[in-house]
């Protein structure tokens, strides 16, 4: 059964009339009837109350019910029915995230890794109808989360990522190859990898361009993002005197990242700060927008009729009682 909705729920404030009516009735009843003092109630013990005496308060109770029904009628109870047809052109996305030690550099706030995690989770929030997965890599790569529509689980796994989970290094080819492996059997109309790194490929069993060719073979489009300011970046180092910072050269193989993106039909981006990284994800979000055809039908049916019939019945019953059966004669 469809629950009632009310077009004018603010009129339920009129229910404050009920306690006011009760207070007025009690006050009036006390003024109307006076009390007498008898030395003994024995003469009255066998005088049972008549039916009329028992029903003396019934007209007032009916009046309270009548007022309540009128308030409900004024609030306009309705039932609603709706139907929705949604057609989605699915997009499967894998985010490949570099977690090497250099991602702790603080040219982004609080550092590159945390900034990358934050903007990626904001991107996920905008992709309600897509399956998204997560691959992390440094010297090795592994799947942190297979492609899924459960974005809450995905974001929780994002939060648990930290540098040092695997051996340090930068295996771009391995990260891309693992990402493509998650997508190769996908039936989605569009398959995308977003690969983010801040370094130069220096290890791994799969060459980056070999992984790019594999991606192209399976129809996977790759967007590459190079993160890091230009020049030098502050890198934290633990010393016996606490955390110290050294300035390290920012080295990103932009030529390689451009070649990977171009060969797969994607695009390369350079992000030099938090705002720039947010802009990159926003552009990718626009380019890879899920197509939805949606049609909605909605109807509201007025449901005050049962309450109106009940109100009329109670009004007639109150009139009959008050002016006929319980009528008072002077």
C-alpha atoms as a PDB file:
ATOM      1  CA  UNK A   1       0.000   0.000   0.000  1.00  0.00           C
ATOM      2  CA  UNK A   2       1.342   3.449  -0.949  1.00  0.00           C
ATOM      3  CA  UNK A   3       1.793   5.644   2.176  1.00  0.00           C
ATOM      4  CA  UNK A   4      -0.023   8.974   2.338  1.00  0.00           C
ATOM      5  CA  UNK A   5       1.730  12.180   1.478  1.00  0.00           C
ATOM      6  CA  UNK A   6       0.320  15.582   2.415  1.00  0.00           C
ATOM      7  CA  UNK A   7       0.235  18.598   0.116  1.00  0.00           C
ATOM      8  CA  UNK A   8      -0.092  21.051   3.046  1.00  0.00           C
ATOM      9  CA  UNK A   9       1.619  19.416   6.057  1.00  0.00           C
ATOM     10  CA  UNK A  10       2.126  22.802   7.706  1.00  0.00           C
ATOM     11  CA  UNK A  11      -1.608  22.823   8.556  1.00  0.00           C
ATOM     12  CA  UNK A  12      -0.999  20.073  11.113  1.00  0.00           C
ATOM     13  CA  UNK A  13      -0.223  22.959  13.460  1.00  0.00           C
ATOM     14  CA  UNK A  14      -4.004  23.273  13.773  1.00  0.00           C
ATOM     15  CA  UNK A  15      -3.906  20.212  16.030  1.00  0.00           C
ATOM     16  CA  UNK A  16      -3.015  22.625  18.853  1.00  0.00           C
ATOM     17  CA  UNK A  17      -6.754  23.392  18.899  1.00  0.00           C
ATOM     18  CA  UNK A  18      -7.426  19.967  20.454  1.00  0.00           C
ATOM     19  CA  UNK A  19      -5.782  20.592  23.874  1.00  0.00           C
ATOM     20  CA  UNK A  20      -7.271  24.117  23.924  1.00  0.00           C
ATOM     21  CA  UNK A  21     -10.755  22.694  23.365  1.00  0.00           C
ATOM     22  CA  UNK A  22     -10.216  20.144  26.142  1.00  0.00           C
ATOM     23  CA  UNK A  23      -9.127  22.860  28.606  1.00  0.00           C
ATOM     24  CA  UNK A  24     -12.147  25.005  27.646  1.00  0.00           C
ATOM     25  CA  UNK A  25     -14.556  22.059  28.040  1.00  0.00           C
ATOM     26  CA  UNK A  26     -13.224  21.071  31.460  1.00  0.00           C
ATOM     27  CA  UNK A  27     -13.441  24.686  32.675  1.00  0.00           C
ATOM     28  CA  UNK A  28     -16.977  25.095  31.333  1.00  0.00           C
ATOM     29  CA  UNK A  29     -18.092  21.774  32.820  1.00  0.00           C
ATOM     30  CA  UNK A  30     -16.859  22.748  36.292  1.00  0.00           C
ATOM     31  CA  UNK A  31     -18.733  26.072  36.174  1.00  0.00           C
ATOM     32  CA  UNK A  32     -21.908  24.401  34.942  1.00  0.00           C
ATOM     33  CA  UNK A  33     -22.141  21.845  37.733  1.00  0.00           C
ATOM     34  CA  UNK A  34     -21.876  22.658  41.424  1.00  0.00           C
ATOM     35  CA  UNK A  35     -21.048  20.231  44.217  1.00  0.00           C
ATOM     36  CA  UNK A  36     -23.196  19.423  47.263  1.00  0.00           C
ATOM     37  CA  UNK A  37     -21.981  18.020  50.562  1.00  0.00           C
ATOM     38  CA  UNK A  38     -23.873  15.089  52.152  1.00  0.00           C
ATOM     39  CA  UNK A  39     -23.127  13.446  55.500  1.00  0.00           C
ATOM     40  CA  UNK A  40     -23.476  10.016  53.890  1.00  0.00           C
ATOM     41  CA  UNK A  41     -23.565   8.630  50.336  1.00  0.00           C
ATOM     42  CA  UNK A  42     -25.530   5.537  51.331  1.00  0.00           C
ATOM     43  CA  UNK A  43     -28.825   6.798  49.778  1.00  0.00           C
ATOM     44  CA  UNK A  44     -27.055   7.085  46.410  1.00  0.00           C
ATOM     45  CA  UNK A  45     -25.155   3.807  46.393  1.00  0.00           C
ATOM     46  CA  UNK A  46     -27.856   1.865  44.583  1.00  0.00           C
ATOM     47  CA  UNK A  47     -28.641   4.639  42.070  1.00  0.00           C
ATOM     48  CA  UNK A  48     -26.714   3.463  39.002  1.00  0.00           C
ATOM     49  CA  UNK A  49     -26.003   6.041  36.303  1.00  0.00           C
ATOM     50  CA  UNK A  50     -28.385   5.963  33.373  1.00  0.00           C
ATOM     51  CA  UNK A  51     -27.251   5.538  29.748  1.00  0.00           C
ATOM     52  CA  UNK A  52     -27.790   9.250  29.110  1.00  0.00           C
ATOM     53  CA  UNK A  53     -25.553  10.119  32.042  1.00  0.00           C
ATOM     54  CA  UNK A  54     -22.840   7.790  30.774  1.00  0.00           C
ATOM     55  CA  UNK A  55     -22.966   9.388  27.317  1.00  0.00           C
ATOM     56  CA  UNK A  56     -22.894  12.962  28.540  1.00  0.00           C
ATOM     57  CA  UNK A  57     -19.325  13.572  27.271  1.00  0.00           C
ATOM     58  CA  UNK A  58     -19.729  11.697  23.989  1.00  0.00           C
ATOM     59  CA  UNK A  59     -20.779  14.750  21.857  1.00  0.00           C
ATOM     60  CA  UNK A  60     -17.619  16.577  22.938  1.00  0.00           C
ATOM     61  CA  UNK A  61     -15.429  13.539  22.113  1.00  0.00           C
ATOM     62  CA  UNK A  62     -17.099  13.381  18.689  1.00  0.00           C
ATOM     63  CA  UNK A  63     -16.382  17.099  18.235  1.00  0.00           C
ATOM     64  CA  UNK A  64     -12.685  16.499  18.920  1.00  0.00           C
ATOM     65  CA  UNK A  65     -12.593  13.686  16.339  1.00  0.00           C
ATOM     66  CA  UNK A  66     -14.433  15.917  13.857  1.00  0.00           C
ATOM     67  CA  UNK A  67     -11.891  18.737  14.263  1.00  0.00           C
ATOM     68  CA  UNK A  68      -9.026  16.249  13.813  1.00  0.00           C
ATOM     69  CA  UNK A  69     -10.565  14.920  10.597  1.00  0.00           C
ATOM     70  CA  UNK A  70     -11.047  18.465   9.269  1.00  0.00           C
ATOM     71  CA  UNK A  71      -7.358  19.238   9.915  1.00  0.00           C
ATOM     72  CA  UNK A  72      -6.344  16.083   8.008  1.00  0.00           C
ATOM     73  CA  UNK A  73      -8.657  17.028   5.109  1.00  0.00           C
ATOM     74  CA  UNK A  74      -7.171  20.550   4.950  1.00  0.00           C
ATOM     75  CA  UNK A  75      -3.652  19.031   4.841  1.00  0.00           C
ATOM     76  CA  UNK A  76      -4.750  17.220   1.648  1.00  0.00           C
ATOM     77  CA  UNK A  77      -3.705  13.573   1.966  1.00  0.00           C
ATOM     78  CA  UNK A  78      -2.463  12.166  -1.340  1.00  0.00           C
ATOM     79  CA  UNK A  79      -1.056   8.979  -2.754  1.00  0.00           C
ATOM     80  CA  UNK A  80       1.643   9.182  -5.391  1.00  0.00           C
ATOM     81  CA  UNK A  81       2.765   6.800  -8.085  1.00  0.00           C
ATOM     82  CA  UNK A  82       5.779   7.251 -10.333  1.00  0.00           C
ATOM     83  CA  UNK A  83       7.806   5.306 -12.826  1.00  0.00           C
ATOM     84  CA  UNK A  84      11.338   5.897 -14.043  1.00  0.00           C
ATOM     85  CA  UNK A  85      13.146   4.496 -17.044  1.00  0.00           C
ATOM     86  CA  UNK A  86      16.932   4.925 -17.088  1.00  0.00           C
ATOM     87  CA  UNK A  87      19.205   3.886 -19.905  1.00  0.00           C
ATOM     88  CA  UNK A  88      22.922   4.065 -19.096  1.00  0.00           C
ATOM     89  CA  UNK A  89      25.909   3.812 -21.376  1.00  0.00           C
ATOM     90  CA  UNK A  90      28.273   2.131 -18.941  1.00  0.00           C
ATOM     91  CA  UNK A  91      31.835   3.293 -18.421  1.00  0.00           C
ATOM     92  CA  UNK A  92      34.314   1.121 -16.537  1.00  0.00           C
ATOM     93  CA  UNK A  93      37.206   3.034 -15.007  1.00  0.00           C
ATOM     94  CA  UNK A  94      40.396   1.957 -13.231  1.00  0.00           C
ATOM     95  CA  UNK A  95      42.432   4.525 -11.325  1.00  0.00           C
ATOM     96  CA  UNK A  96      46.128   3.551 -11.294  1.00  0.00           C
ATOM     97  CA  UNK A  97      47.861   5.401  -8.477  1.00  0.00           C
ATOM     98  CA  UNK A  98      51.608   5.724  -7.927  1.00  0.00           C
ATOM     99  CA  UNK A  99      52.427   5.207  -4.211  1.00  0.00           C
ATOM    100  CA  UNK A 100      56.217   5.404  -4.451  1.00  0.00           C
ATOM    101  CA  UNK A 101      58.183   7.287  -1.780  1.00  0.00           C
ATOM    102  CA  UNK A 102      58.448  10.437  -3.889  1.00  0.00           C
ATOM    103  CA  UNK A 103      54.648  10.822  -3.616  1.00  0.00           C
ATOM    104  CA  UNK A 104      55.283  12.088  -0.069  1.00  0.00           C
ATOM    105  CA  UNK A 105      56.807  15.297  -1.455  1.00  0.00           C
ATOM    106  CA  UNK A 106      54.992  18.333  -0.103  1.00  0.00           C
ATOM    107  CA  UNK A 107      54.719  20.564  -3.150  1.00  0.00           C
ATOM    108  CA  UNK A 108      51.040  19.500  -2.854  1.00  0.00           C
ATOM    109  CA  UNK A 109      49.199  19.888   0.436  1.00  0.00           C
ATOM    110  CA  UNK A 110      49.527  17.920   2.638  1.00  0.00           C
ATOM    111  CA  UNK A 111      51.542  15.854   0.125  1.00  0.00           C
ATOM    112  CA  UNK A 112      51.172  14.472  -3.389  1.00  0.00           C
ATOM    113  CA  UNK A 113      49.688  11.146  -2.302  1.00  0.00           C
ATOM    114  CA  UNK A 114      47.030  12.602  -0.015  1.00  0.00           C
ATOM    115  CA  UNK A 115      46.097  15.245  -2.592  1.00  0.00           C
ATOM    116  CA  UNK A 116      45.783  12.537  -5.260  1.00  0.00           C
ATOM    117  CA  UNK A 117      43.577  10.425  -2.979  1.00  0.00           C
ATOM    118  CA  UNK A 118      41.301  13.367  -2.135  1.00  0.00           C
ATOM    119  CA  UNK A 119      40.731  14.468  -5.727  1.00  0.00           C
ATOM    120  CA  UNK A 120      40.241  10.874  -6.898  1.00  0.00           C
ATOM    121  CA  UNK A 121      37.514  10.317  -4.266  1.00  0.00           C
ATOM    122  CA  UNK A 122      35.776  13.527  -5.356  1.00  0.00           C
ATOM    123  CA  UNK A 123      35.907  12.208  -8.930  1.00  0.00           C
ATOM    124  CA  UNK A 124      34.334   8.929  -7.756  1.00  0.00           C
ATOM    125  CA  UNK A 125      31.473  10.838  -6.113  1.00  0.00           C
ATOM    126  CA  UNK A 126      30.582  12.325  -9.506  1.00  0.00           C
ATOM    127  CA  UNK A 127      30.489   8.931 -11.272  1.00  0.00           C
ATOM    128  CA  UNK A 128      27.308   7.484  -9.773  1.00  0.00           C
ATOM    129  CA  UNK A 129      26.520   5.132 -12.649  1.00  0.00           C
ATOM    130  CA  UNK A 130      30.006   3.793 -13.412  1.00  0.00           C
ATOM    131  CA  UNK A 131      32.010   0.831 -12.169  1.00  0.00           C
ATOM    132  CA  UNK A 132      35.359   1.990 -10.821  1.00  0.00           C
ATOM    133  CA  UNK A 133      38.404   0.047  -9.643  1.00  0.00           C
ATOM    134  CA  UNK A 134      41.738   0.892  -8.054  1.00  0.00           C
ATOM    135  CA  UNK A 135      45.273  -0.290  -8.833  1.00  0.00           C
ATOM    136  CA  UNK A 136      48.305   0.891  -6.866  1.00  0.00           C
ATOM    137  CA  UNK A 137      51.917   0.593  -7.942  1.00  0.00           C
ATOM    138  CA  UNK A 138      55.481   1.479  -7.065  1.00  0.00           C
ATOM    139  CA  UNK A 139      58.161  -1.171  -7.855  1.00  0.00           C
ATOM    140  CA  UNK A 140      55.299  -3.673  -8.103  1.00  0.00           C
ATOM    141  CA  UNK A 141      51.595  -3.323  -8.738  1.00  0.00           C
ATOM    142  CA  UNK A 142      48.458  -4.957  -7.406  1.00  0.00           C
ATOM    143  CA  UNK A 143      44.708  -4.465  -7.452  1.00  0.00           C
ATOM    144  CA  UNK A 144      43.486  -2.665  -4.355  1.00  0.00           C
ATOM    145  CA  UNK A 145      39.838  -2.888  -5.506  1.00  0.00           C
ATOM    146  CA  UNK A 146      38.298  -4.589  -8.581  1.00  0.00           C
ATOM    147  CA  UNK A 147      35.859  -2.535 -10.632  1.00  0.00           C
ATOM    148  CA  UNK A 148      32.696  -2.093  -8.583  1.00  0.00           C
ATOM    149  CA  UNK A 149      29.559   0.018  -8.272  1.00  0.00           C
ATOM    150  CA  UNK A 150      29.943   0.014  -4.478  1.00  0.00           C
ATOM    151  CA  UNK A 151      31.718   3.347  -4.271  1.00  0.00           C
ATOM    152  CA  UNK A 152      31.617   3.452  -0.471  1.00  0.00           C
ATOM    153  CA  UNK A 153      33.789   0.341  -0.282  1.00  0.00           C
ATOM    154  CA  UNK A 154      36.082   1.775  -2.958  1.00  0.00           C
ATOM    155  CA  UNK A 155      36.550   5.055  -1.072  1.00  0.00           C
ATOM    156  CA  UNK A 156      37.291   3.224   2.166  1.00  0.00           C
ATOM    157  CA  UNK A 157      40.056   1.318   0.372  1.00  0.00           C
ATOM    158  CA  UNK A 158      41.362   4.624  -0.986  1.00  0.00           C
ATOM    159  CA  UNK A 159      41.646   5.968   2.548  1.00  0.00           C
ATOM    160  CA  UNK A 160      43.807   3.021   3.629  1.00  0.00           C
ATOM    161  CA  UNK A 161      46.451   3.622   0.947  1.00  0.00           C
ATOM    162  CA  UNK A 162      49.858   4.770   2.138  1.00  0.00           C
ATOM    163  CA  UNK A 163      53.333   4.931   0.705  1.00  0.00           C
ATOM    164  CA  UNK A 164      55.521   1.925   1.503  1.00  0.00           C
ATOM    165  CA  UNK A 165      52.814  -0.729   1.091  1.00  0.00           C
ATOM    166  CA  UNK A 166      55.065  -2.375  -1.520  1.00  0.00           C
ATOM    167  CA  UNK A 167      58.749  -2.101  -2.473  1.00  0.00           C
ATOM    168  CA  UNK A 168      59.755   1.384  -3.533  1.00  0.00           C
ATOM    169  CA  UNK A 169      60.308   2.274  -7.171  1.00  0.00           C
ATOM    170  CA  UNK A 170      58.238   3.386 -10.172  1.00  0.00           C
ATOM    171  CA  UNK A 171      56.934   0.635 -12.461  1.00  0.00           C
ATOM    172  CA  UNK A 172      54.599   2.570 -14.749  1.00  0.00           C
ATOM    173  CA  UNK A 173      54.333  -0.326 -17.194  1.00  0.00           C
ATOM    174  CA  UNK A 174      53.330  -2.742 -14.428  1.00  0.00           C
ATOM    175  CA  UNK A 175      50.721  -0.342 -13.063  1.00  0.00           C
ATOM    176  CA  UNK A 176      49.175   0.105 -16.511  1.00  0.00           C
ATOM    177  CA  UNK A 177      49.305  -3.597 -17.358  1.00  0.00           C
ATOM    178  CA  UNK A 178      47.524  -4.539 -14.129  1.00  0.00           C
ATOM    179  CA  UNK A 179      44.875  -1.890 -14.806  1.00  0.00           C
ATOM    180  CA  UNK A 180      44.257  -3.191 -18.323  1.00  0.00           C
ATOM    181  CA  UNK A 181      43.979  -6.713 -16.951  1.00  0.00           C
ATOM    182  CA  UNK A 182      41.080  -5.540 -14.750  1.00  0.00           C
ATOM    183  CA  UNK A 183      39.289  -4.146 -17.822  1.00  0.00           C
ATOM    184  CA  UNK A 184      40.066  -6.594 -20.621  1.00  0.00           C
ATOM    185  CA  UNK A 185      36.950  -8.728 -20.018  1.00  0.00           C
ATOM    186  CA  UNK A 186      34.651  -5.766 -19.426  1.00  0.00           C
ATOM    187  CA  UNK A 187      31.529  -5.495 -21.605  1.00  0.00           C
ATOM    188  CA  UNK A 188      31.242  -1.747 -21.026  1.00  0.00           C
ATOM    189  CA  UNK A 189      30.996   0.507 -24.057  1.00  0.00           C
ATOM    190  CA  UNK A 190      33.866   2.608 -22.762  1.00  0.00           C
ATOM    191  CA  UNK A 191      36.923   1.431 -20.790  1.00  0.00           C
ATOM    192  CA  UNK A 192      39.253   3.957 -19.201  1.00  0.00           C
ATOM    193  CA  UNK A 193      42.446   4.002 -17.135  1.00  0.00           C
ATOM    194  CA  UNK A 194      43.487   7.134 -15.239  1.00  0.00           C
ATOM    195  CA  UNK A 195      47.196   6.698 -14.461  1.00  0.00           C
ATOM    196  CA  UNK A 196      48.802   9.132 -12.028  1.00  0.00           C
ATOM    197  CA  UNK A 197      52.530   9.227 -11.334  1.00  0.00           C
ATOM    198  CA  UNK A 198      55.237  11.663 -10.276  1.00  0.00           C
ATOM    199  CA  UNK A 199      58.323   9.923 -11.596  1.00  0.00           C
ATOM    200  CA  UNK A 200      60.235   8.070 -14.284  1.00  0.00           C
ATOM    201  CA  UNK A 201      59.769   4.391 -15.043  1.00  0.00           C
ATOM    202  CA  UNK A 202      62.761   2.671 -13.457  1.00  0.00           C
ATOM    203  CA  UNK A 203      61.690  -0.923 -12.799  1.00  0.00           C
ATOM    204  CA  UNK A 204      59.096  -3.557 -13.646  1.00  0.00           C
ATOM    205  CA  UNK A 205      58.718  -6.567 -15.938  1.00  0.00           C
ATOM    206  CA  UNK A 206      56.521  -4.786 -18.494  1.00  0.00           C
ATOM    207  CA  UNK A 207      57.704  -1.797 -20.511  1.00  0.00           C
ATOM    208  CA  UNK A 208      55.287   1.167 -20.396  1.00  0.00           C
ATOM    209  CA  UNK A 209      54.745   1.304 -24.174  1.00  0.00           C
ATOM    210  CA  UNK A 210      54.176  -2.454 -24.274  1.00  0.00           C
ATOM    211  CA  UNK A 211      51.440  -1.989 -21.685  1.00  0.00           C
ATOM    212  CA  UNK A 212      50.059   0.874 -23.799  1.00  0.00           C
ATOM    213  CA  UNK A 213      49.866  -1.407 -26.846  1.00  0.00           C
ATOM    214  CA  UNK A 214      48.021  -3.998 -24.774  1.00  0.00           C
ATOM    215  CA  UNK A 215      45.593  -1.284 -23.648  1.00  0.00           C
ATOM    216  CA  UNK A 216      45.009  -0.252 -27.245  1.00  0.00           C
ATOM    217  CA  UNK A 217      44.360  -3.872 -28.247  1.00  0.00           C
ATOM    218  CA  UNK A 218      41.595  -4.186 -25.649  1.00  0.00           C
ATOM    219  CA  UNK A 219      40.068  -0.807 -26.463  1.00  0.00           C
ATOM    220  CA  UNK A 220      41.179   0.830 -23.221  1.00  0.00           C
ATOM    221  CA  UNK A 221      41.697   4.589 -23.304  1.00  0.00           C
ATOM    222  CA  UNK A 222      44.425   5.894 -20.974  1.00  0.00           C
ATOM    223  CA  UNK A 223      44.562   9.336 -19.397  1.00  0.00           C
ATOM    224  CA  UNK A 224      47.950  10.026 -17.829  1.00  0.00           C
ATOM    225  CA  UNK A 225      48.630  12.619 -15.130  1.00  0.00           C
ATOM    226  CA  UNK A 226      52.068  13.846 -14.121  1.00  0.00           C
ATOM    227  CA  UNK A 227      52.016  15.373 -10.629  1.00  0.00           C
ATOM    228  CA  UNK A 228      54.727  17.641  -9.274  1.00  0.00           C
ATOM    229  CA  UNK A 229      55.797  21.239  -9.327  1.00  0.00           C
ATOM    230  CA  UNK A 230      58.433  22.389 -11.769  1.00  0.00           C
ATOM    231  CA  UNK A 231      61.998  22.561 -10.459  1.00  0.00           C
ATOM    232  CA  UNK A 232      62.483  21.284  -6.918  1.00  0.00           C
ATOM    233  CA  UNK A 233      60.045  20.028  -4.273  1.00  0.00           C
ATOM    234  CA  UNK A 234      60.372  19.701  -0.472  1.00  0.00           C
ATOM    235  CA  UNK A 235      60.724  16.057   0.598  1.00  0.00           C
ATOM    236  CA  UNK A 236      60.465  15.038   4.288  1.00  0.00           C
ATOM    237  CA  UNK A 237      63.300  13.024   5.813  1.00  0.00           C
ATOM    238  CA  UNK A 238      63.290  11.550   9.319  1.00  0.00           C
ATOM    239  CA  UNK A 239      66.461  12.364  11.264  1.00  0.00           C
ATOM    240  CA  UNK A 240      67.558  11.972  14.899  1.00  0.00           C
ATOM    241  CA  UNK A 241      66.491  15.598  15.310  1.00  0.00           C
ATOM    242  CA  UNK A 242      63.005  15.041  13.920  1.00  0.00           C
ATOM    243  CA  UNK A 243      61.538  15.613  10.479  1.00  0.00           C
ATOM    244  CA  UNK A 244      63.734  17.635   8.158  1.00  0.00           C
ATOM    245  CA  UNK A 245      63.144  18.697   4.558  1.00  0.00           C
ATOM    246  CA  UNK A 246      65.427  18.478   1.564  1.00  0.00           C
ATOM    247  CA  UNK A 247      64.726  19.882  -1.870  1.00  0.00           C
ATOM    248  CA  UNK A 248      64.718  17.190  -4.554  1.00  0.00           C
ATOM    249  CA  UNK A 249      64.511  17.532  -8.320  1.00  0.00           C
ATOM    250  CA  UNK A 250      61.070  16.867  -9.809  1.00  0.00           C
ATOM    251  CA  UNK A 251      61.600  14.367 -12.619  1.00  0.00           C
ATOM    252  CA  UNK A 252      58.569  13.301 -14.645  1.00  0.00           C
ATOM    253  CA  UNK A 253      58.892  11.479 -17.960  1.00  0.00           C
ATOM    254  CA  UNK A 254      56.332  13.665 -19.712  1.00  0.00           C
ATOM    255  CA  UNK A 255      57.304  12.393 -23.159  1.00  0.00           C
ATOM    256  CA  UNK A 256      56.507   8.816 -22.131  1.00  0.00           C
ATOM    257  CA  UNK A 257      53.194   9.762 -20.480  1.00  0.00           C
ATOM    258  CA  UNK A 258      52.166  11.711 -23.590  1.00  0.00           C
ATOM    259  CA  UNK A 259      53.007   8.749 -25.833  1.00  0.00           C
ATOM    260  CA  UNK A 260      50.982   6.355 -23.658  1.00  0.00           C
ATOM    261  CA  UNK A 261      47.952   8.675 -23.729  1.00  0.00           C
ATOM    262  CA  UNK A 262      48.176   9.481 -27.437  1.00  0.00           C
ATOM    263  CA  UNK A 263      48.602   5.863 -28.548  1.00  0.00           C
ATOM    264  CA  UNK A 264      45.434   4.805 -26.678  1.00  0.00           C
ATOM    265  CA  UNK A 265      43.237   7.755 -27.622  1.00  0.00           C
ATOM    266  CA  UNK A 266      43.571   9.440 -24.242  1.00  0.00           C
ATOM    267  CA  UNK A 267      45.213  12.647 -23.088  1.00  0.00           C
ATOM    268  CA  UNK A 268      48.177  13.708 -20.927  1.00  0.00           C
ATOM    269  CA  UNK A 269      47.902  16.291 -18.132  1.00  0.00           C
ATOM    270  CA  UNK A 270      50.498  18.000 -15.959  1.00  0.00           C
ATOM    271  CA  UNK A 271      49.350  19.032 -12.483  1.00  0.00           C
ATOM    272  CA  UNK A 272      51.665  21.313 -10.520  1.00  0.00           C
ATOM    273  CA  UNK A 273      49.430  21.887  -7.481  1.00  0.00           C
ATOM    274  CA  UNK A 274      46.211  20.924  -5.736  1.00  0.00           C
ATOM    275  CA  UNK A 275      43.968  23.206  -7.800  1.00  0.00           C
ATOM    276  CA  UNK A 276      45.531  22.052 -11.045  1.00  0.00           C
ATOM    277  CA  UNK A 277      44.985  18.412 -10.077  1.00  0.00           C
ATOM    278  CA  UNK A 278      41.322  19.115  -9.280  1.00  0.00           C
ATOM    279  CA  UNK A 279      40.943  20.757 -12.700  1.00  0.00           C
ATOM    280  CA  UNK A 280      42.437  17.696 -14.410  1.00  0.00           C
ATOM    281  CA  UNK A 281      39.903  15.347 -12.815  1.00  0.00           C
ATOM    282  CA  UNK A 282      37.069  17.742 -13.655  1.00  0.00           C
ATOM    283  CA  UNK A 283      38.107  17.749 -17.322  1.00  0.00           C
ATOM    284  CA  UNK A 284      38.360  13.954 -17.441  1.00  0.00           C
ATOM    285  CA  UNK A 285      34.958  13.794 -15.764  1.00  0.00           C
ATOM    286  CA  UNK A 286      33.533  15.962 -18.542  1.00  0.00           C
ATOM    287  CA  UNK A 287      35.204  14.012 -21.348  1.00  0.00           C
ATOM    288  CA  UNK A 288      34.073  10.638 -20.012  1.00  0.00           C
ATOM    289  CA  UNK A 289      30.521  11.540 -19.060  1.00  0.00           C
ATOM    290  CA  UNK A 290      28.045   8.699 -18.640  1.00  0.00           C
ATOM    291  CA  UNK A 291      25.089   9.053 -21.009  1.00  0.00           C
ATOM    292  CA  UNK A 292      21.698   8.677 -19.349  1.00  0.00           C
ATOM    293  CA  UNK A 293      18.265   8.786 -20.997  1.00  0.00           C
ATOM    294  CA  UNK A 294      15.729   9.249 -18.249  1.00  0.00           C
ATOM    295  CA  UNK A 295      11.948   9.502 -18.384  1.00  0.00           C
ATOM    296  CA  UNK A 296       9.859  10.088 -15.266  1.00  0.00           C
ATOM    297  CA  UNK A 297       6.094   9.795 -14.808  1.00  0.00           C
ATOM    298  CA  UNK A 298       4.498  10.975 -11.596  1.00  0.00           C
ATOM    299  CA  UNK A 299       0.853  11.225 -10.475  1.00  0.00           C
ATOM    300  CA  UNK A 300      -0.786  12.392  -7.244  1.00  0.00           C
ATOM    301  CA  UNK A 301      -4.284  11.210  -6.269  1.00  0.00           C
ATOM    302  CA  UNK A 302      -6.306  13.091  -3.652  1.00  0.00           C
ATOM    303  CA  UNK A 303      -7.227  10.765  -0.761  1.00  0.00           C
ATOM    304  CA  UNK A 304      -9.333  13.048   1.458  1.00  0.00           C
ATOM    305  CA  UNK A 305     -12.639  11.345   0.565  1.00  0.00           C
ATOM    306  CA  UNK A 306     -12.641   8.685   3.346  1.00  0.00           C
ATOM    307  CA  UNK A 307     -11.838  11.365   5.907  1.00  0.00           C
ATOM    308  CA  UNK A 308     -14.610  13.621   4.553  1.00  0.00           C
ATOM    309  CA  UNK A 309     -17.185  10.801   4.702  1.00  0.00           C
ATOM    310  CA  UNK A 310     -16.127   9.969   8.264  1.00  0.00           C
ATOM    311  CA  UNK A 311     -16.359  13.669   9.234  1.00  0.00           C
ATOM    312  CA  UNK A 312     -19.901  13.966   7.833  1.00  0.00           C
ATOM    313  CA  UNK A 313     -20.954  10.806   9.653  1.00  0.00           C
ATOM    314  CA  UNK A 314     -19.531  12.014  12.971  1.00  0.00           C
ATOM    315  CA  UNK A 315     -21.149  15.453  12.513  1.00  0.00           C
ATOM    316  CA  UNK A 316     -24.579  13.876  11.937  1.00  0.00           C
ATOM    317  CA  UNK A 317     -24.122  11.561  14.939  1.00  0.00           C
ATOM    318  CA  UNK A 318     -23.163  14.493  17.158  1.00  0.00           C
ATOM    319  CA  UNK A 319     -26.216  16.489  16.031  1.00  0.00           C
ATOM    320  CA  UNK A 320     -28.541  13.543  16.733  1.00  0.00           C
ATOM    321  CA  UNK A 321     -27.087  13.024  20.198  1.00  0.00           C
ATOM    322  CA  UNK A 322     -26.861  16.680  21.179  1.00  0.00           C
ATOM    323  CA  UNK A 323     -30.245  17.858  19.933  1.00  0.00           C
ATOM    324  CA  UNK A 324     -32.376  14.708  20.302  1.00  0.00           C
ATOM    325  CA  UNK A 325     -31.236  11.881  22.564  1.00  0.00           C
ATOM    326  CA  UNK A 326     -29.143  14.011  24.962  1.00  0.00           C
ATOM    327  CA  UNK A 327     -31.199  17.173  24.612  1.00  0.00           C
ATOM    328  CA  UNK A 328     -31.491  19.227  27.775  1.00  0.00           C
ATOM    329  CA  UNK A 329     -34.819  20.729  28.741  1.00  0.00           C
ATOM    330  CA  UNK A 330     -34.993  23.911  30.813  1.00  0.00           C
END
